[in-house]
Amino acid sequence: MIKPLADRVLIKMEEGEETTKSGIILTSSAQEKPQIAKVIEIGPGKLVDGKIEPVNVSKGDRIIVSKYSGTEVKYEGEDYIIVKQEDILAVVE
C-alpha cells in the first residue's frame, strides 16, 4: 500500500470520454486528459506553526485536479498520481 506523506494525496484518474455527446468516437490522442480523480489515500497533513493541518479531502472523494500536476506512479499494475493538496481545485459532490 502507498501511504502519502505530509499534505500529499494518492489519486486514481477517471477515464476520459471516449465519445462526444453527439456519439462521435474519439481516438486516444483526441481525448482530453481527465481532470476528475478518486482519492485513494491521504497523508496526515502539513506541519504549520507546530501543529498538523489536516488534508481537506477524504478517501473516496471525487476531486478535480490541475492538469498535468503530480507525480505518476505505477504500483501493483495500477496507475496512480500523487498530488499536493494545493493542486486539488475542488471536490465533486
PDB file of N, CA and C in Angstrom:
ATOM      1  N   MET A   1       0.841  -1.186   0.000  1.00  0.00           N
ATOM      2  CA  MET A   1       0.000   0.000   0.000  1.00  0.00           C
ATOM      3  C   MET A   1       0.885   1.247   0.000  1.00  0.00           C
ATOM      4  N   ILE A   2       0.462   2.259  -0.728  1.00  0.00           N
ATOM      5  CA  ILE A   2       1.187   3.531  -0.783  1.00  0.00           C
ATOM      6  C   ILE A   2       0.542   4.478   0.221  1.00  0.00           C
ATOM      7  N   LYS A   3       1.336   5.029   1.114  1.00  0.00           N
ATOM      8  CA  LYS A   3       0.854   5.986   2.113  1.00  0.00           C
ATOM      9  C   LYS A   3       1.548   7.330   1.865  1.00  0.00           C
ATOM     10  N   PRO A   4       0.824   8.327   1.346  1.00  0.00           N
ATOM     11  CA  PRO A   4       1.440   9.635   1.091  1.00  0.00           C
ATOM     12  C   PRO A   4       1.907  10.314   2.377  1.00  0.00           C
ATOM     13  N   LEU A   5       2.903  11.167   2.245  1.00  0.00           N
ATOM     14  CA  LEU A   5       3.420  11.925   3.377  1.00  0.00           C
ATOM     15  C   LEU A   5       2.899  13.358   3.336  1.00  0.00           C
ATOM     16  N   ALA A   6       2.933  14.026   4.478  1.00  0.00           N
ATOM     17  CA  ALA A   6       2.544  15.443   4.625  1.00  0.00           C
ATOM     18  C   ALA A   6       1.173  15.699   4.012  1.00  0.00           C
ATOM     19  N   ASP A   7       1.077  16.728   3.159  1.00  0.00           N
ATOM     20  CA  ASP A   7      -0.229  17.108   2.596  1.00  0.00           C
ATOM     21  C   ASP A   7      -0.409  16.551   1.184  1.00  0.00           C
ATOM     22  N   ARG A   8       0.185  15.396   0.935  1.00  0.00           N
ATOM     23  CA  ARG A   8       0.045  14.776  -0.384  1.00  0.00           C
ATOM     24  C   ARG A   8      -1.121  13.795  -0.389  1.00  0.00           C
ATOM     25  N   VAL A   9      -1.673  13.586  -1.596  1.00  0.00           N
ATOM     26  CA  VAL A   9      -2.861  12.758  -1.761  1.00  0.00           C
ATOM     27  C   VAL A   9      -2.616  11.786  -2.914  1.00  0.00           C
ATOM     28  N   LEU A  10      -2.919  10.514  -2.702  1.00  0.00           N
ATOM     29  CA  LEU A  10      -2.817   9.495  -3.744  1.00  0.00           C
ATOM     30  C   LEU A  10      -4.161   9.416  -4.451  1.00  0.00           C
ATOM     31  N   ILE A  11      -4.147   9.606  -5.780  1.00  0.00           N
ATOM     32  CA  ILE A  11      -5.404   9.610  -6.537  1.00  0.00           C
ATOM     33  C   ILE A  11      -5.323   8.649  -7.713  1.00  0.00           C
ATOM     34  N   LYS A  12      -6.472   8.270  -8.214  1.00  0.00           N
ATOM     35  CA  LYS A  12      -6.579   7.452  -9.425  1.00  0.00           C
ATOM     36  C   LYS A  12      -7.481   8.222 -10.371  1.00  0.00           C
ATOM     37  N   MET A  13      -6.959   8.554 -11.553  1.00  0.00           N
ATOM     38  CA  MET A  13      -7.712   9.335 -12.517  1.00  0.00           C
ATOM     39  C   MET A  13      -8.868   8.517 -13.073  1.00  0.00           C
ATOM     40  N   GLU A  14      -9.984   9.193 -13.339  1.00  0.00           N
ATOM     41  CA  GLU A  14     -11.106   8.551 -14.017  1.00  0.00           C
ATOM     42  C   GLU A  14     -10.793   8.539 -15.503  1.00  0.00           C
ATOM     43  N   GLU A  15     -11.397   7.622 -16.218  1.00  0.00           N
ATOM     44  CA  GLU A  15     -11.155   7.502 -17.654  1.00  0.00           C
ATOM     45  C   GLU A  15     -11.719   8.704 -18.397  1.00  0.00           C
ATOM     46  N   GLY A  16     -11.049   9.122 -19.465  1.00  0.00           N
ATOM     47  CA  GLY A  16     -11.520  10.215 -20.313  1.00  0.00           C
ATOM     48  C   GLY A  16     -12.694   9.766 -21.160  1.00  0.00           C
ATOM     49  N   GLU A  17     -13.435  10.709 -21.671  1.00  0.00           N
ATOM     50  CA  GLU A  17     -14.575  10.410 -22.531  1.00  0.00           C
ATOM     51  C   GLU A  17     -14.094   9.784 -23.832  1.00  0.00           C
ATOM     52  N   GLU A  18     -14.728   8.680 -24.241  1.00  0.00           N
ATOM     53  CA  GLU A  18     -14.361   8.032 -25.485  1.00  0.00           C
ATOM     54  C   GLU A  18     -15.263   8.456 -26.636  1.00  0.00           C
ATOM     55  N   THR A  19     -16.411   9.031 -26.299  1.00  0.00           N
ATOM     56  CA  THR A  19     -17.320   9.508 -27.340  1.00  0.00           C
ATOM     57  C   THR A  19     -17.782  10.909 -26.985  1.00  0.00           C
ATOM     58  N   THR A  20     -18.141  11.675 -28.013  1.00  0.00           N
ATOM     59  CA  THR A  20     -18.683  13.011 -27.770  1.00  0.00           C
ATOM     60  C   THR A  20     -20.165  12.874 -27.463  1.00  0.00           C
ATOM     61  N   LYS A  21     -20.792  13.966 -27.047  1.00  0.00           N
ATOM     62  CA  LYS A  21     -22.228  13.919 -26.748  1.00  0.00           C
ATOM     63  C   LYS A  21     -23.048  13.552 -27.977  1.00  0.00           C
ATOM     64  N   SER A  22     -22.535  13.882 -29.157  1.00  0.00           N
ATOM     65  CA  SER A  22     -23.254  13.551 -30.397  1.00  0.00           C
ATOM     66  C   SER A  22     -22.961  12.130 -30.874  1.00  0.00           C
ATOM     67  N   GLY A  23     -22.092  11.394 -30.163  1.00  0.00           N
ATOM     68  CA  GLY A  23     -21.851   9.995 -30.474  1.00  0.00           C
ATOM     69  C   GLY A  23     -20.612   9.714 -31.295  1.00  0.00           C
ATOM     70  N   ILE A  24     -19.807  10.722 -31.576  1.00  0.00           N
ATOM     71  CA  ILE A  24     -18.578  10.511 -32.347  1.00  0.00           C
ATOM     72  C   ILE A  24     -17.529   9.871 -31.438  1.00  0.00           C
ATOM     73  N   ILE A  25     -16.937   8.765 -31.909  1.00  0.00           N
ATOM     74  CA  ILE A  25     -15.913   8.063 -31.130  1.00  0.00           C
ATOM     75  C   ILE A  25     -14.579   8.776 -31.317  1.00  0.00           C
ATOM     76  N   LEU A  26     -13.923   9.086 -30.198  1.00  0.00           N
ATOM     77  CA  LEU A  26     -12.640   9.798 -30.228  1.00  0.00           C
ATOM     78  C   LEU A  26     -11.481   8.821 -30.152  1.00  0.00           C
ATOM     79  N   THR A  27     -10.411   9.104 -30.883  1.00  0.00           N
ATOM     80  CA  THR A  27      -9.194   8.312 -30.741  1.00  0.00           C
ATOM     81  C   THR A  27      -8.533   8.708 -29.425  1.00  0.00           C
ATOM     82  N   SER A  28      -7.623   7.906 -28.946  1.00  0.00           N
ATOM     83  CA  SER A  28      -6.985   8.214 -27.660  1.00  0.00           C
ATOM     84  C   SER A  28      -6.230   9.529 -27.707  1.00  0.00           C
ATOM     85  N   SER A  29      -5.663   9.900 -28.857  1.00  0.00           N
ATOM     86  CA  SER A  29      -4.929  11.158 -28.945  1.00  0.00           C
ATOM     87  C   SER A  29      -5.857  12.370 -28.943  1.00  0.00           C
ATOM     88  N   ALA A  30      -7.131  12.195 -29.332  1.00  0.00           N
ATOM     89  CA  ALA A  30      -8.075  13.310 -29.377  1.00  0.00           C
ATOM     90  C   ALA A  30      -8.823  13.494 -28.062  1.00  0.00           C
ATOM     91  N   GLN A  31      -8.724  12.507 -27.165  1.00  0.00           N
ATOM     92  CA  GLN A  31      -9.430  12.607 -25.896  1.00  0.00           C
ATOM     93  C   GLN A  31      -8.745  13.619 -24.995  1.00  0.00           C
ATOM     94  N   GLU A  32      -9.562  14.368 -24.254  1.00  0.00           N
ATOM     95  CA  GLU A  32      -9.000  15.314 -23.296  1.00  0.00           C
ATOM     96  C   GLU A  32      -8.429  14.545 -22.109  1.00  0.00           C
ATOM     97  N   LYS A  33      -7.374  15.079 -21.545  1.00  0.00           N
ATOM     98  CA  LYS A  33      -6.818  14.477 -20.343  1.00  0.00           C
ATOM     99  C   LYS A  33      -7.831  14.680 -19.218  1.00  0.00           C
ATOM    100  N   PRO A  34      -8.244  13.599 -18.538  1.00  0.00           N
ATOM    101  CA  PRO A  34      -9.240  13.757 -17.478  1.00  0.00           C
ATOM    102  C   PRO A  34      -8.696  14.581 -16.316  1.00  0.00           C
ATOM    103  N   GLN A  35      -9.567  15.322 -15.669  1.00  0.00           N
ATOM    104  CA  GLN A  35      -9.160  16.114 -14.519  1.00  0.00           C
ATOM    105  C   GLN A  35      -9.887  15.654 -13.257  1.00  0.00           C
ATOM    106  N   ILE A  36     -10.806  14.697 -13.396  1.00  0.00           N
ATOM    107  CA  ILE A  36     -11.542  14.199 -12.233  1.00  0.00           C
ATOM    108  C   ILE A  36     -10.905  12.893 -11.782  1.00  0.00           C
ATOM    109  N   ALA A  37     -10.671  12.811 -10.486  1.00  0.00           N
ATOM    110  CA  ALA A  37      -9.995  11.640  -9.921  1.00  0.00           C
ATOM    111  C   ALA A  37     -10.667  11.223  -8.621  1.00  0.00           C
ATOM    112  N   LYS A  38     -10.380  10.006  -8.206  1.00  0.00           N
ATOM    113  CA  LYS A  38     -10.874   9.488  -6.930  1.00  0.00           C
ATOM    114  C   LYS A  38      -9.714   9.467  -5.945  1.00  0.00           C
ATOM    115  N   VAL A  39      -9.973   9.930  -4.717  1.00  0.00           N
ATOM    116  CA  VAL A  39      -8.958   9.918  -3.665  1.00  0.00           C
ATOM    117  C   VAL A  39      -8.844   8.495  -3.123  1.00  0.00           C
ATOM    118  N   ILE A  40      -7.635   7.944  -3.205  1.00  0.00           N
ATOM    119  CA  ILE A  40      -7.375   6.584  -2.732  1.00  0.00           C
ATOM    120  C   ILE A  40      -6.819   6.602  -1.312  1.00  0.00           C
ATOM    121  N   GLU A  41      -5.881   7.509  -1.053  1.00  0.00           N
ATOM    122  CA  GLU A  41      -5.225   7.593   0.267  1.00  0.00           C
ATOM    123  C   GLU A  41      -4.775   9.025   0.492  1.00  0.00           C
ATOM    124  N   ILE A  42      -4.750   9.456   1.741  1.00  0.00           N
ATOM    125  CA  ILE A  42      -4.310  10.816   2.072  1.00  0.00           C
ATOM    126  C   ILE A  42      -3.188  10.774   3.104  1.00  0.00           C
ATOM    127  N   GLY A  43      -2.340  11.791   3.048  1.00  0.00           N
ATOM    128  CA  GLY A  43      -1.286  11.937   4.042  1.00  0.00           C
ATOM    129  C   GLY A  43      -1.862  12.508   5.329  1.00  0.00           C
ATOM    130  N   PRO A  44      -1.062  12.564   6.394  1.00  0.00           N
ATOM    131  CA  PRO A  44      -1.542  13.034   7.690  1.00  0.00           C
ATOM    132  C   PRO A  44      -1.797  14.542   7.741  1.00  0.00           C
ATOM    133  N   GLY A  45      -1.188  15.303   6.841  1.00  0.00           N
ATOM    134  CA  GLY A  45      -1.343  16.756   6.848  1.00  0.00           C
ATOM    135  C   GLY A  45       0.002  17.441   6.905  1.00  0.00           C
ATOM    136  N   LYS A  46      -0.045  18.755   6.776  1.00  0.00           N
ATOM    137  CA  LYS A  46       1.174  19.553   6.727  1.00  0.00           C
ATOM    138  C   LYS A  46       1.423  20.191   8.096  1.00  0.00           C
ATOM    139  N   LEU A  47       2.684  20.234   8.514  1.00  0.00           N
ATOM    140  CA  LEU A  47       3.058  20.846   9.785  1.00  0.00           C
ATOM    141  C   LEU A  47       3.156  22.361   9.593  1.00  0.00           C
ATOM    142  N   VAL A  48       2.289  23.102  10.296  1.00  0.00           N
ATOM    143  CA  VAL A  48       2.273  24.565  10.217  1.00  0.00           C
ATOM    144  C   VAL A  48       2.272  25.110  11.647  1.00  0.00           C
ATOM    145  N   ASP A  49       3.266  25.919  11.986  1.00  0.00           N
ATOM    146  CA  ASP A  49       3.390  26.506  13.318  1.00  0.00           C
ATOM    147  C   ASP A  49       3.305  25.465  14.435  1.00  0.00           C
ATOM    148  N   GLY A  50       3.940  24.316  14.215  1.00  0.00           N
ATOM    149  CA  GLY A  50       3.984  23.283  15.241  1.00  0.00           C
ATOM    150  C   GLY A  50       2.739  22.424  15.338  1.00  0.00           C
ATOM    151  N   LYS A  51       1.741  22.658  14.494  1.00  0.00           N
ATOM    152  CA  LYS A  51       0.503  21.863  14.503  1.00  0.00           C
ATOM    153  C   LYS A  51       0.305  21.239  13.130  1.00  0.00           C
ATOM    154  N   ILE A  52      -0.304  20.055  13.137  1.00  0.00           N
ATOM    155  CA  ILE A  52      -0.605  19.379  11.871  1.00  0.00           C
ATOM    156  C   ILE A  52      -1.919  19.934  11.330  1.00  0.00           C
ATOM    157  N   GLU A  53      -1.866  20.492  10.106  1.00  0.00           N
ATOM    158  CA  GLU A  53      -3.059  20.952   9.403  1.00  0.00           C
ATOM    159  C   GLU A  53      -3.545  19.786   8.555  1.00  0.00           C
ATOM    160  N   PRO A  54      -4.718  19.206   8.858  1.00  0.00           N
ATOM    161  CA  PRO A  54      -5.167  18.022   8.123  1.00  0.00           C
ATOM    162  C   PRO A  54      -5.498  18.335   6.661  1.00  0.00           C
ATOM    163  N   VAL A  55      -5.468  17.301   5.848  1.00  0.00           N
ATOM    164  CA  VAL A  55      -5.816  17.419   4.433  1.00  0.00           C
ATOM    165  C   VAL A  55      -7.333  17.622   4.338  1.00  0.00           C
ATOM    166  N   ASN A  56      -7.755  18.469   3.392  1.00  0.00           N
ATOM    167  CA  ASN A  56      -9.167  18.851   3.289  1.00  0.00           C
ATOM    168  C   ASN A  56     -10.041  17.899   2.484  1.00  0.00           C
ATOM    169  N   VAL A  57      -9.517  16.760   2.057  1.00  0.00           N
ATOM    170  CA  VAL A  57     -10.322  15.769   1.343  1.00  0.00           C
ATOM    171  C   VAL A  57     -10.256  14.451   2.093  1.00  0.00           C
ATOM    172  N   SER A  58     -11.169  13.544   1.753  1.00  0.00           N
ATOM    173  CA  SER A  58     -11.228  12.241   2.416  1.00  0.00           C
ATOM    174  C   SER A  58     -11.098  11.126   1.386  1.00  0.00           C
ATOM    175  N   LYS A  59     -10.748   9.939   1.848  1.00  0.00           N
ATOM    176  CA  LYS A  59     -10.711   8.776   0.969  1.00  0.00           C
ATOM    177  C   LYS A  59     -12.082   8.613   0.318  1.00  0.00           C
ATOM    178  N   GLY A  60     -12.070   8.313  -0.969  1.00  0.00           N
ATOM    179  CA  GLY A  60     -13.318   8.081  -1.688  1.00  0.00           C
ATOM    180  C   GLY A  60     -13.894   9.324  -2.350  1.00  0.00           C
ATOM    181  N   ASP A  61     -13.425  10.522  -1.966  1.00  0.00           N
ATOM    182  CA  ASP A  61     -13.910  11.755  -2.599  1.00  0.00           C
ATOM    183  C   ASP A  61     -13.540  11.756  -4.076  1.00  0.00           C
ATOM    184  N   ARG A  62     -14.410  12.366  -4.891  1.00  0.00           N
ATOM    185  CA  ARG A  62     -14.079  12.635  -6.293  1.00  0.00           C
ATOM    186  C   ARG A  62     -13.646  14.089  -6.345  1.00  0.00           C
ATOM    187  N   ILE A  63     -12.497  14.338  -6.963  1.00  0.00           N
ATOM    188  CA  ILE A  63     -11.927  15.677  -6.955  1.00  0.00           C
ATOM    189  C   ILE A  63     -11.546  16.116  -8.363  1.00  0.00           C
ATOM    190  N   ILE A  64     -11.357  17.422  -8.524  1.00  0.00           N
ATOM    191  CA  ILE A  64     -10.829  17.988  -9.753  1.00  0.00           C
ATOM    192  C   ILE A  64      -9.421  18.474  -9.435  1.00  0.00           C
ATOM    193  N   VAL A  65      -8.462  18.060 -10.260  1.00  0.00           N
ATOM    194  CA  VAL A  65      -7.069  18.446 -10.041  1.00  0.00           C
ATOM    195  C   VAL A  65      -6.557  19.267 -11.218  1.00  0.00           C
ATOM    196  N   SER A  66      -5.510  20.035 -10.979  1.00  0.00           N
ATOM    197  CA  SER A  66      -4.863  20.802 -12.041  1.00  0.00           C
ATOM    198  C   SER A  66      -4.348  19.848 -13.110  1.00  0.00           C
ATOM    199  N   LYS A  67      -4.461  20.267 -14.365  1.00  0.00           N
ATOM    200  CA  LYS A  67      -3.932  19.442 -15.455  1.00  0.00           C
ATOM    201  C   LYS A  67      -2.431  19.291 -15.291  1.00  0.00           C
ATOM    202  N   TYR A  68      -1.948  18.107 -15.576  1.00  0.00           N
ATOM    203  CA  TYR A  68      -0.518  17.798 -15.591  1.00  0.00           C
ATOM    204  C   TYR A  68       0.168  17.992 -14.237  1.00  0.00           C
ATOM    205  N   SER A  69      -0.588  17.942 -13.150  1.00  0.00           N
ATOM    206  CA  SER A  69       0.022  18.078 -11.823  1.00  0.00           C
ATOM    207  C   SER A  69       0.359  16.699 -11.255  1.00  0.00           C
ATOM    208  N   GLY A  70       1.221  16.685 -10.288  1.00  0.00           N
ATOM    209  CA  GLY A  70       1.532  15.465  -9.560  1.00  0.00           C
ATOM    210  C   GLY A  70       2.608  14.600 -10.185  1.00  0.00           C
ATOM    211  N   THR A  71       2.848  13.494  -9.515  1.00  0.00           N
ATOM    212  CA  THR A  71       3.853  12.517  -9.932  1.00  0.00           C
ATOM    213  C   THR A  71       3.157  11.198 -10.213  1.00  0.00           C
ATOM    214  N   GLU A  72       3.329  10.682 -11.426  1.00  0.00           N
ATOM    215  CA  GLU A  72       2.698   9.412 -11.787  1.00  0.00           C
ATOM    216  C   GLU A  72       3.483   8.258 -11.176  1.00  0.00           C
ATOM    217  N   VAL A  73       2.729   7.260 -10.657  1.00  0.00           N
ATOM    218  CA  VAL A  73       3.341   6.090 -10.034  1.00  0.00           C
ATOM    219  C   VAL A  73       2.585   4.856 -10.511  1.00  0.00           C
ATOM    220  N   LYS A  74       3.321   3.787 -10.758  1.00  0.00           N
ATOM    221  CA  LYS A  74       2.690   2.509 -11.082  1.00  0.00           C
ATOM    222  C   LYS A  74       2.961   1.585  -9.903  1.00  0.00           C
ATOM    223  N   TYR A  75       1.888   1.006  -9.342  1.00  0.00           N
ATOM    224  CA  TYR A  75       2.029   0.133  -8.177  1.00  0.00           C
ATOM    225  C   TYR A  75       1.100  -1.057  -8.349  1.00  0.00           C
ATOM    226  N   GLU A  76       1.654  -2.248  -8.317  1.00  0.00           N
ATOM    227  CA  GLU A  76       0.914  -3.498  -8.475  1.00  0.00           C
ATOM    228  C   GLU A  76       0.010  -3.458  -9.710  1.00  0.00           C
ATOM    229  N   GLY A  77       0.561  -2.958 -10.822  1.00  0.00           N
ATOM    230  CA  GLY A  77      -0.167  -2.951 -12.087  1.00  0.00           C
ATOM    231  C   GLY A  77      -1.185  -1.838 -12.254  1.00  0.00           C
ATOM    232  N   GLU A  78      -1.333  -0.968 -11.281  1.00  0.00           N
ATOM    233  CA  GLU A  78      -2.294   0.140 -11.346  1.00  0.00           C
ATOM    234  C   GLU A  78      -1.549   1.463 -11.475  1.00  0.00           C
ATOM    235  N   ASP A  79      -2.153   2.409 -12.191  1.00  0.00           N
ATOM    236  CA  ASP A  79      -1.576   3.743 -12.343  1.00  0.00           C
ATOM    237  C   ASP A  79      -2.212   4.705 -11.353  1.00  0.00           C
ATOM    238  N   TYR A  80      -1.371   5.399 -10.610  1.00  0.00           N
ATOM    239  CA  TYR A  80      -1.817   6.388  -9.632  1.00  0.00           C
ATOM    240  C   TYR A  80      -1.056   7.688  -9.857  1.00  0.00           C
ATOM    241  N   ILE A  81      -1.517   8.738  -9.208  1.00  0.00           N
ATOM    242  CA  ILE A  81      -0.800  10.013  -9.205  1.00  0.00           C
ATOM    243  C   ILE A  81      -0.764  10.508  -7.764  1.00  0.00           C
ATOM    244  N   ILE A  82       0.380  11.038  -7.349  1.00  0.00           N
ATOM    245  CA  ILE A  82       0.498  11.657  -6.034  1.00  0.00           C
ATOM    246  C   ILE A  82       0.545  13.164  -6.261  1.00  0.00           C
ATOM    247  N   VAL A  83      -0.433  13.885  -5.681  1.00  0.00           N
ATOM    248  CA  VAL A  83      -0.515  15.337  -5.841  1.00  0.00           C
ATOM    249  C   VAL A  83      -0.428  16.010  -4.477  1.00  0.00           C
ATOM    250  N   LYS A  84      -0.008  17.264  -4.480  1.00  0.00           N
ATOM    251  CA  LYS A  84      -0.051  18.061  -3.259  1.00  0.00           C
ATOM    252  C   LYS A  84      -1.469  18.587  -3.094  1.00  0.00           C
ATOM    253  N   GLN A  85      -1.851  18.853  -1.872  1.00  0.00           N
ATOM    254  CA  GLN A  85      -3.192  19.375  -1.605  1.00  0.00           C
ATOM    255  C   GLN A  85      -3.475  20.641  -2.418  1.00  0.00           C
ATOM    256  N   GLU A  86      -2.459  21.478  -2.627  1.00  0.00           N
ATOM    257  CA  GLU A  86      -2.659  22.737  -3.356  1.00  0.00           C
ATOM    258  C   GLU A  86      -3.009  22.525  -4.824  1.00  0.00           C
ATOM    259  N   ASP A  87      -2.775  21.301  -5.372  1.00  0.00           N
ATOM    260  CA  ASP A  87      -3.134  21.004  -6.757  1.00  0.00           C
ATOM    261  C   ASP A  87      -4.586  20.545  -6.887  1.00  0.00           C
ATOM    262  N   ILE A  88      -5.263  20.353  -5.762  1.00  0.00           N
ATOM    263  CA  ILE A  88      -6.682  19.956  -5.782  1.00  0.00           C
ATOM    264  C   ILE A  88      -7.512  21.240  -5.868  1.00  0.00           C
ATOM    265  N   LEU A  89      -8.316  21.325  -6.922  1.00  0.00           N
ATOM    266  CA  LEU A  89      -9.090  22.542  -7.169  1.00  0.00           C
ATOM    267  C   LEU A  89     -10.478  22.514  -6.542  1.00  0.00           C
ATOM    268  N   ALA A  90     -11.105  21.311  -6.500  1.00  0.00           N
ATOM    269  CA  ALA A  90     -12.482  21.233  -5.994  1.00  0.00           C
ATOM    270  C   ALA A  90     -12.841  19.778  -5.685  1.00  0.00           C
ATOM    271  N   VAL A  91     -13.890  19.618  -4.893  1.00  0.00           N
ATOM    272  CA  VAL A  91     -14.474  18.303  -4.625  1.00  0.00           C
ATOM    273  C   VAL A  91     -15.762  18.227  -5.424  1.00  0.00           C
ATOM    274  N   VAL A  92     -15.975  17.110  -6.137  1.00  0.00           N
ATOM    275  CA  VAL A  92     -17.183  16.913  -6.928  1.00  0.00           C
ATOM    276  C   VAL A  92     -18.221  16.251  -6.018  1.00  0.00           C
ATOM    277  N   GLU A  93     -19.367  16.899  -5.861  1.00  0.00           N
ATOM    278  CA  GLU A  93     -20.423  16.338  -4.993  1.00  0.00           C
ATOM    279  C   GLU A  93     -21.564  15.797  -5.802  1.00  0.00           C
TER     280      GLU A  93
END
